[in-house]
């Protein structure tokens, strides 16, 4: 890893074919598509060397290029399905970078479904990711959940409510005040930092020291 000029690539996934919201990545928000918002934030970063969009769609590719990103490859349909994983498209992108001859020091995973980002916050995260490289397997952005996940329920096979995690049917303990429960967090897609060497060596995306 070059400490002087680290090679930092923003990798923005934009799969077409979503069944929940059709063409969601091109949906407009304040006259800009969700895809444009993420590309724009990456362009304002002082530390991102390159912006690459991973998509299976020619239309998405054209929109991404118009917004200032590169689309040097199209993602195969086989890894662009509803059940396809983030690891699959990331490894596909890394294979492309490897064929080019230069693997990024850091991948910045930006999801279009989180459109509003402060480039200064992104750059601080990138600096942190570069400085804390040893022993860290990835860095993810999260926000505190309004209600602890320990107060949530599941429905058992018999149709009864059970406590999440413990699976017990006695639910009265969940009525205790929120201060009685651990604080839990939800991933928010603001910015995730991935280490290509860790992914290559482990076959994992985030690892066990996030």
C-alpha atoms as a PDB file:
ATOM      1  CA  UNK A   1       0.000   0.000   0.000  1.00  0.00           C
ATOM      2  CA  UNK A   2       1.373   3.399  -0.949  1.00  0.00           C
ATOM      3  CA  UNK A   3       1.237   5.743   2.015  1.00  0.00           C
ATOM      4  CA  UNK A   4       1.828   8.755  -0.254  1.00  0.00           C
ATOM      5  CA  UNK A   5      -0.805   8.160  -2.917  1.00  0.00           C
ATOM      6  CA  UNK A   6      -3.045   5.259  -1.916  1.00  0.00           C
ATOM      7  CA  UNK A   7      -5.181   3.863  -4.721  1.00  0.00           C
ATOM      8  CA  UNK A   8      -8.733   4.279  -3.412  1.00  0.00           C
ATOM      9  CA  UNK A   9     -11.604   3.167  -5.644  1.00  0.00           C
ATOM     10  CA  UNK A  10     -15.271   3.966  -5.039  1.00  0.00           C
ATOM     11  CA  UNK A  11     -17.295   0.959  -6.167  1.00  0.00           C
ATOM     12  CA  UNK A  12     -20.980   1.749  -6.676  1.00  0.00           C
ATOM     13  CA  UNK A  13     -23.370  -1.169  -7.312  1.00  0.00           C
ATOM     14  CA  UNK A  14     -26.308  -0.412  -9.607  1.00  0.00           C
ATOM     15  CA  UNK A  15     -28.052  -3.618 -10.540  1.00  0.00           C
ATOM     16  CA  UNK A  16     -31.087  -3.347 -12.781  1.00  0.00           C
ATOM     17  CA  UNK A  17     -34.051  -5.668 -12.459  1.00  0.00           C
ATOM     18  CA  UNK A  18     -35.185  -4.872  -8.922  1.00  0.00           C
ATOM     19  CA  UNK A  19     -38.651  -6.282  -8.363  1.00  0.00           C
ATOM     20  CA  UNK A  20     -39.405  -4.112  -5.326  1.00  0.00           C
ATOM     21  CA  UNK A  21     -38.963  -0.719  -6.992  1.00  0.00           C
ATOM     22  CA  UNK A  22     -38.452  -0.823 -10.746  1.00  0.00           C
ATOM     23  CA  UNK A  23     -35.311   1.032 -11.896  1.00  0.00           C
ATOM     24  CA  UNK A  24     -34.836   2.317  -8.333  1.00  0.00           C
ATOM     25  CA  UNK A  25     -31.257   3.436  -8.971  1.00  0.00           C
ATOM     26  CA  UNK A  26     -32.483   5.877 -11.611  1.00  0.00           C
ATOM     27  CA  UNK A  27     -35.361   7.228  -9.514  1.00  0.00           C
ATOM     28  CA  UNK A  28     -35.146  11.000  -9.121  1.00  0.00           C
ATOM     29  CA  UNK A  29     -34.670  12.748  -5.810  1.00  0.00           C
ATOM     30  CA  UNK A  30     -34.446  16.542  -6.003  1.00  0.00           C
ATOM     31  CA  UNK A  31     -33.880  16.270  -9.773  1.00  0.00           C
ATOM     32  CA  UNK A  32     -30.968  13.829  -9.445  1.00  0.00           C
ATOM     33  CA  UNK A  33     -31.123  10.071  -9.678  1.00  0.00           C
ATOM     34  CA  UNK A  34     -30.036   7.967  -6.713  1.00  0.00           C
ATOM     35  CA  UNK A  35     -27.077   6.845  -8.808  1.00  0.00           C
ATOM     36  CA  UNK A  36     -26.071  10.459  -9.512  1.00  0.00           C
ATOM     37  CA  UNK A  37     -26.145  11.318  -5.801  1.00  0.00           C
ATOM     38  CA  UNK A  38     -23.581   8.623  -4.960  1.00  0.00           C
ATOM     39  CA  UNK A  39     -21.360   9.471  -7.921  1.00  0.00           C
ATOM     40  CA  UNK A  40     -21.544  13.163  -7.022  1.00  0.00           C
ATOM     41  CA  UNK A  41     -20.487  12.526  -3.427  1.00  0.00           C
ATOM     42  CA  UNK A  42     -17.569  10.391  -4.579  1.00  0.00           C
ATOM     43  CA  UNK A  43     -16.490  13.120  -7.005  1.00  0.00           C
ATOM     44  CA  UNK A  44     -16.345  15.605  -4.142  1.00  0.00           C
ATOM     45  CA  UNK A  45     -14.056  13.372  -2.071  1.00  0.00           C
ATOM     46  CA  UNK A  46     -10.446  14.482  -1.864  1.00  0.00           C
ATOM     47  CA  UNK A  47      -9.168  10.934  -1.381  1.00  0.00           C
ATOM     48  CA  UNK A  48     -11.048   8.790  -3.910  1.00  0.00           C
ATOM     49  CA  UNK A  49      -8.842   8.059  -6.920  1.00  0.00           C
ATOM     50  CA  UNK A  50     -11.438   6.490  -9.196  1.00  0.00           C
ATOM     51  CA  UNK A  51     -15.201   5.968  -9.360  1.00  0.00           C
ATOM     52  CA  UNK A  52     -16.421   2.703 -10.875  1.00  0.00           C
ATOM     53  CA  UNK A  53     -20.046   1.626 -11.247  1.00  0.00           C
ATOM     54  CA  UNK A  54     -20.796  -2.099 -11.342  1.00  0.00           C
ATOM     55  CA  UNK A  55     -23.972  -2.687 -13.329  1.00  0.00           C
ATOM     56  CA  UNK A  56     -25.536  -5.257 -15.605  1.00  0.00           C
ATOM     57  CA  UNK A  57     -27.452  -2.592 -17.543  1.00  0.00           C
ATOM     58  CA  UNK A  58     -26.344  -0.656 -20.630  1.00  0.00           C
ATOM     59  CA  UNK A  59     -28.823   2.113 -19.728  1.00  0.00           C
ATOM     60  CA  UNK A  60     -27.446   2.344 -16.190  1.00  0.00           C
ATOM     61  CA  UNK A  61     -23.924   2.397 -17.614  1.00  0.00           C
ATOM     62  CA  UNK A  62     -24.747   5.342 -19.858  1.00  0.00           C
ATOM     63  CA  UNK A  63     -26.325   7.235 -16.959  1.00  0.00           C
ATOM     64  CA  UNK A  64     -23.305   6.530 -14.765  1.00  0.00           C
ATOM     65  CA  UNK A  65     -20.852   7.760 -17.391  1.00  0.00           C
ATOM     66  CA  UNK A  66     -22.914  10.903 -17.911  1.00  0.00           C
ATOM     67  CA  UNK A  67     -22.727  11.555 -14.156  1.00  0.00           C
ATOM     68  CA  UNK A  68     -18.944  11.275 -14.113  1.00  0.00           C
ATOM     69  CA  UNK A  69     -18.197   7.640 -13.284  1.00  0.00           C
ATOM     70  CA  UNK A  70     -16.414   4.891 -15.169  1.00  0.00           C
ATOM     71  CA  UNK A  71     -18.141   1.724 -16.296  1.00  0.00           C
ATOM     72  CA  UNK A  72     -15.221  -0.311 -17.631  1.00  0.00           C
ATOM     73  CA  UNK A  73     -17.156  -3.582 -17.539  1.00  0.00           C
ATOM     74  CA  UNK A  74     -20.701  -4.923 -17.340  1.00  0.00           C
ATOM     75  CA  UNK A  75     -21.608  -7.262 -14.518  1.00  0.00           C
ATOM     76  CA  UNK A  76     -22.712 -10.727 -15.686  1.00  0.00           C
ATOM     77  CA  UNK A  77     -26.387 -11.546 -15.260  1.00  0.00           C
ATOM     78  CA  UNK A  78     -25.412 -14.628 -13.280  1.00  0.00           C
ATOM     79  CA  UNK A  79     -24.324 -12.383 -10.380  1.00  0.00           C
ATOM     80  CA  UNK A  80     -27.027  -9.748 -10.905  1.00  0.00           C
ATOM     81  CA  UNK A  81     -29.998 -11.639  -9.532  1.00  0.00           C
ATOM     82  CA  UNK A  82     -32.209 -10.902  -6.523  1.00  0.00           C
ATOM     83  CA  UNK A  83     -30.276 -13.407  -4.434  1.00  0.00           C
ATOM     84  CA  UNK A  84     -26.821 -12.424  -5.691  1.00  0.00           C
ATOM     85  CA  UNK A  85     -24.458 -11.288  -2.957  1.00  0.00           C
ATOM     86  CA  UNK A  86     -22.304  -8.210  -2.509  1.00  0.00           C
ATOM     87  CA  UNK A  87     -19.276 -10.473  -2.325  1.00  0.00           C
ATOM     88  CA  UNK A  88     -19.952 -11.706  -5.867  1.00  0.00           C
ATOM     89  CA  UNK A  89     -19.977  -8.286  -7.521  1.00  0.00           C
ATOM     90  CA  UNK A  90     -16.997  -7.104  -5.445  1.00  0.00           C
ATOM     91  CA  UNK A  91     -14.913 -10.146  -6.415  1.00  0.00           C
ATOM     92  CA  UNK A  92     -15.921  -9.626 -10.049  1.00  0.00           C
ATOM     93  CA  UNK A  93     -14.674  -6.031  -9.878  1.00  0.00           C
ATOM     94  CA  UNK A  94     -11.449  -7.104  -8.186  1.00  0.00           C
ATOM     95  CA  UNK A  95     -10.828  -9.623 -10.965  1.00  0.00           C
ATOM     96  CA  UNK A  96     -11.094  -6.744 -13.431  1.00  0.00           C
ATOM     97  CA  UNK A  97      -8.659  -4.564 -11.469  1.00  0.00           C
ATOM     98  CA  UNK A  98      -6.256  -7.492 -11.198  1.00  0.00           C
ATOM     99  CA  UNK A  99      -6.377  -7.957 -14.972  1.00  0.00           C
ATOM    100  CA  UNK A 100      -5.609  -4.236 -15.358  1.00  0.00           C
ATOM    101  CA  UNK A 101      -2.490  -4.761 -13.264  1.00  0.00           C
ATOM    102  CA  UNK A 102      -3.263  -2.688 -10.153  1.00  0.00           C
ATOM    103  CA  UNK A 103      -5.385  -3.762  -7.195  1.00  0.00           C
ATOM    104  CA  UNK A 104      -6.875  -0.892  -5.132  1.00  0.00           C
ATOM    105  CA  UNK A 105      -5.498  -0.342  -1.649  1.00  0.00           C
ATOM    106  CA  UNK A 106      -9.045   0.331  -0.490  1.00  0.00           C
ATOM    107  CA  UNK A 107     -12.531  -0.164  -1.936  1.00  0.00           C
ATOM    108  CA  UNK A 108     -15.234   2.336  -0.943  1.00  0.00           C
ATOM    109  CA  UNK A 109     -18.617   0.628  -1.219  1.00  0.00           C
ATOM    110  CA  UNK A 110     -21.315   3.271  -1.817  1.00  0.00           C
ATOM    111  CA  UNK A 111     -24.911   2.133  -2.137  1.00  0.00           C
ATOM    112  CA  UNK A 112     -27.151   4.408  -4.263  1.00  0.00           C
ATOM    113  CA  UNK A 113     -30.055   3.803  -1.867  1.00  0.00           C
ATOM    114  CA  UNK A 114     -28.272   6.045   0.658  1.00  0.00           C
ATOM    115  CA  UNK A 115     -28.127   9.237  -1.404  1.00  0.00           C
ATOM    116  CA  UNK A 116     -27.133  11.999   1.036  1.00  0.00           C
ATOM    117  CA  UNK A 117     -23.478  11.967   2.117  1.00  0.00           C
ATOM    118  CA  UNK A 118     -21.014  14.545   3.389  1.00  0.00           C
ATOM    119  CA  UNK A 119     -17.725  14.171   1.464  1.00  0.00           C
ATOM    120  CA  UNK A 120     -15.812  15.348   4.553  1.00  0.00           C
ATOM    121  CA  UNK A 121     -17.289  12.492   6.579  1.00  0.00           C
ATOM    122  CA  UNK A 122     -16.389  10.088   3.766  1.00  0.00           C
ATOM    123  CA  UNK A 123     -12.792  11.343   3.666  1.00  0.00           C
ATOM    124  CA  UNK A 124     -12.447  11.021   7.429  1.00  0.00           C
ATOM    125  CA  UNK A 125     -13.625   7.422   7.169  1.00  0.00           C
ATOM    126  CA  UNK A 126     -11.132   6.766   4.371  1.00  0.00           C
ATOM    127  CA  UNK A 127      -8.275   8.242   6.402  1.00  0.00           C
ATOM    128  CA  UNK A 128      -9.322   6.085   9.336  1.00  0.00           C
ATOM    129  CA  UNK A 129      -9.455   3.033   7.093  1.00  0.00           C
ATOM    130  CA  UNK A 130      -5.965   3.649   5.742  1.00  0.00           C
ATOM    131  CA  UNK A 131      -4.479   4.295   9.177  1.00  0.00           C
ATOM    132  CA  UNK A 132      -6.160   1.362  10.961  1.00  0.00           C
ATOM    133  CA  UNK A 133      -5.334  -1.223   8.334  1.00  0.00           C
ATOM    134  CA  UNK A 134      -3.512  -3.689  10.597  1.00  0.00           C
ATOM    135  CA  UNK A 135      -5.913  -6.184  12.147  1.00  0.00           C
ATOM    136  CA  UNK A 136      -9.089  -4.545  10.822  1.00  0.00           C
ATOM    137  CA  UNK A 137     -11.019  -6.647   8.298  1.00  0.00           C
ATOM    138  CA  UNK A 138     -13.413  -3.897   7.109  1.00  0.00           C
ATOM    139  CA  UNK A 139     -15.156  -0.722   8.283  1.00  0.00           C
ATOM    140  CA  UNK A 140     -18.932  -0.251   8.072  1.00  0.00           C
ATOM    141  CA  UNK A 141     -21.204   2.679   8.822  1.00  0.00           C
ATOM    142  CA  UNK A 142     -24.138   2.022  11.136  1.00  0.00           C
ATOM    143  CA  UNK A 143     -26.719   3.992  13.095  1.00  0.00           C
ATOM    144  CA  UNK A 144     -28.248   3.297  16.458  1.00  0.00           C
ATOM    145  CA  UNK A 145     -31.619   1.590  16.240  1.00  0.00           C
ATOM    146  CA  UNK A 146     -34.519   3.485  17.786  1.00  0.00           C
ATOM    147  CA  UNK A 147     -35.515   0.296  19.620  1.00  0.00           C
ATOM    148  CA  UNK A 148     -33.094  -2.382  20.719  1.00  0.00           C
ATOM    149  CA  UNK A 149     -33.292  -5.523  18.580  1.00  0.00           C
ATOM    150  CA  UNK A 150     -33.494  -7.466  21.843  1.00  0.00           C
ATOM    151  CA  UNK A 151     -37.055  -6.129  22.238  1.00  0.00           C
ATOM    152  CA  UNK A 152     -38.119  -7.566  18.886  1.00  0.00           C
ATOM    153  CA  UNK A 153     -40.013 -10.791  18.135  1.00  0.00           C
ATOM    154  CA  UNK A 154     -40.180 -13.566  15.598  1.00  0.00           C
ATOM    155  CA  UNK A 155     -43.099 -15.818  14.679  1.00  0.00           C
ATOM    156  CA  UNK A 156     -42.371 -19.466  15.342  1.00  0.00           C
ATOM    157  CA  UNK A 157     -43.386 -22.356  13.095  1.00  0.00           C
ATOM    158  CA  UNK A 158     -46.390 -22.890  15.396  1.00  0.00           C
ATOM    159  CA  UNK A 159     -47.526 -19.298  14.907  1.00  0.00           C
ATOM    160  CA  UNK A 160     -46.566 -18.061  18.392  1.00  0.00           C
ATOM    161  CA  UNK A 161     -44.535 -14.927  19.035  1.00  0.00           C
ATOM    162  CA  UNK A 162     -41.087 -15.663  20.440  1.00  0.00           C
ATOM    163  CA  UNK A 163     -38.292 -13.354  21.526  1.00  0.00           C
ATOM    164  CA  UNK A 164     -35.618 -12.737  18.928  1.00  0.00           C
ATOM    165  CA  UNK A 165     -32.291 -14.381  19.779  1.00  0.00           C
ATOM    166  CA  UNK A 166     -33.589 -16.430  22.764  1.00  0.00           C
ATOM    167  CA  UNK A 167     -36.629 -17.926  20.927  1.00  0.00           C
ATOM    168  CA  UNK A 168     -38.550 -18.123  24.208  1.00  0.00           C
ATOM    169  CA  UNK A 169     -42.336 -17.693  24.267  1.00  0.00           C
ATOM    170  CA  UNK A 170     -42.402 -15.725  27.514  1.00  0.00           C
ATOM    171  CA  UNK A 171     -42.529 -12.132  26.240  1.00  0.00           C
ATOM    172  CA  UNK A 172     -43.006 -10.115  29.434  1.00  0.00           C
ATOM    173  CA  UNK A 173     -39.271  -9.449  29.870  1.00  0.00           C
ATOM    174  CA  UNK A 174     -39.374  -7.514  26.597  1.00  0.00           C
ATOM    175  CA  UNK A 175     -41.633  -4.950  28.279  1.00  0.00           C
ATOM    176  CA  UNK A 176     -38.771  -3.695  30.429  1.00  0.00           C
ATOM    177  CA  UNK A 177     -37.413  -0.219  29.742  1.00  0.00           C
ATOM    178  CA  UNK A 178     -35.099   0.202  26.798  1.00  0.00           C
ATOM    179  CA  UNK A 179     -32.235   1.058  29.160  1.00  0.00           C
ATOM    180  CA  UNK A 180     -32.307  -2.584  30.278  1.00  0.00           C
ATOM    181  CA  UNK A 181     -31.263  -3.827  26.851  1.00  0.00           C
ATOM    182  CA  UNK A 182     -28.022  -3.600  24.875  1.00  0.00           C
ATOM    183  CA  UNK A 183     -27.869  -0.848  22.271  1.00  0.00           C
ATOM    184  CA  UNK A 184     -28.089  -2.353  18.791  1.00  0.00           C
ATOM    185  CA  UNK A 185     -27.142  -0.879  15.433  1.00  0.00           C
ATOM    186  CA  UNK A 186     -28.330  -1.178  11.850  1.00  0.00           C
ATOM    187  CA  UNK A 187     -26.108  -0.847   8.753  1.00  0.00           C
ATOM    188  CA  UNK A 188     -27.061   2.295   6.837  1.00  0.00           C
ATOM    189  CA  UNK A 189     -25.070   2.159   3.590  1.00  0.00           C
ATOM    190  CA  UNK A 190     -23.460   5.570   4.138  1.00  0.00           C
ATOM    191  CA  UNK A 191     -19.961   4.237   3.477  1.00  0.00           C
ATOM    192  CA  UNK A 192     -18.322   0.832   3.823  1.00  0.00           C
ATOM    193  CA  UNK A 193     -14.570   0.329   3.491  1.00  0.00           C
ATOM    194  CA  UNK A 194     -13.319  -2.969   2.086  1.00  0.00           C
ATOM    195  CA  UNK A 195      -9.773  -4.310   1.957  1.00  0.00           C
ATOM    196  CA  UNK A 196      -9.023  -6.175  -1.305  1.00  0.00           C
ATOM    197  CA  UNK A 197      -6.134  -8.145   0.199  1.00  0.00           C
ATOM    198  CA  UNK A 198      -8.360  -9.428   3.008  1.00  0.00           C
ATOM    199  CA  UNK A 199     -11.100 -10.405   0.530  1.00  0.00           C
ATOM    200  CA  UNK A 200      -8.582 -12.222  -1.650  1.00  0.00           C
ATOM    201  CA  UNK A 201      -6.989 -14.104   1.242  1.00  0.00           C
ATOM    202  CA  UNK A 202     -10.151 -14.980   3.171  1.00  0.00           C
ATOM    203  CA  UNK A 203     -12.928 -15.218   0.577  1.00  0.00           C
ATOM    204  CA  UNK A 204     -15.002 -12.983   2.879  1.00  0.00           C
ATOM    205  CA  UNK A 205     -16.311  -9.466   2.392  1.00  0.00           C
ATOM    206  CA  UNK A 206     -16.355  -7.978   5.907  1.00  0.00           C
ATOM    207  CA  UNK A 207     -14.683 -10.500   8.183  1.00  0.00           C
ATOM    208  CA  UNK A 208     -14.650 -10.769  11.949  1.00  0.00           C
ATOM    209  CA  UNK A 209     -13.015  -7.507  13.079  1.00  0.00           C
ATOM    210  CA  UNK A 210     -15.226  -4.806  11.591  1.00  0.00           C
END
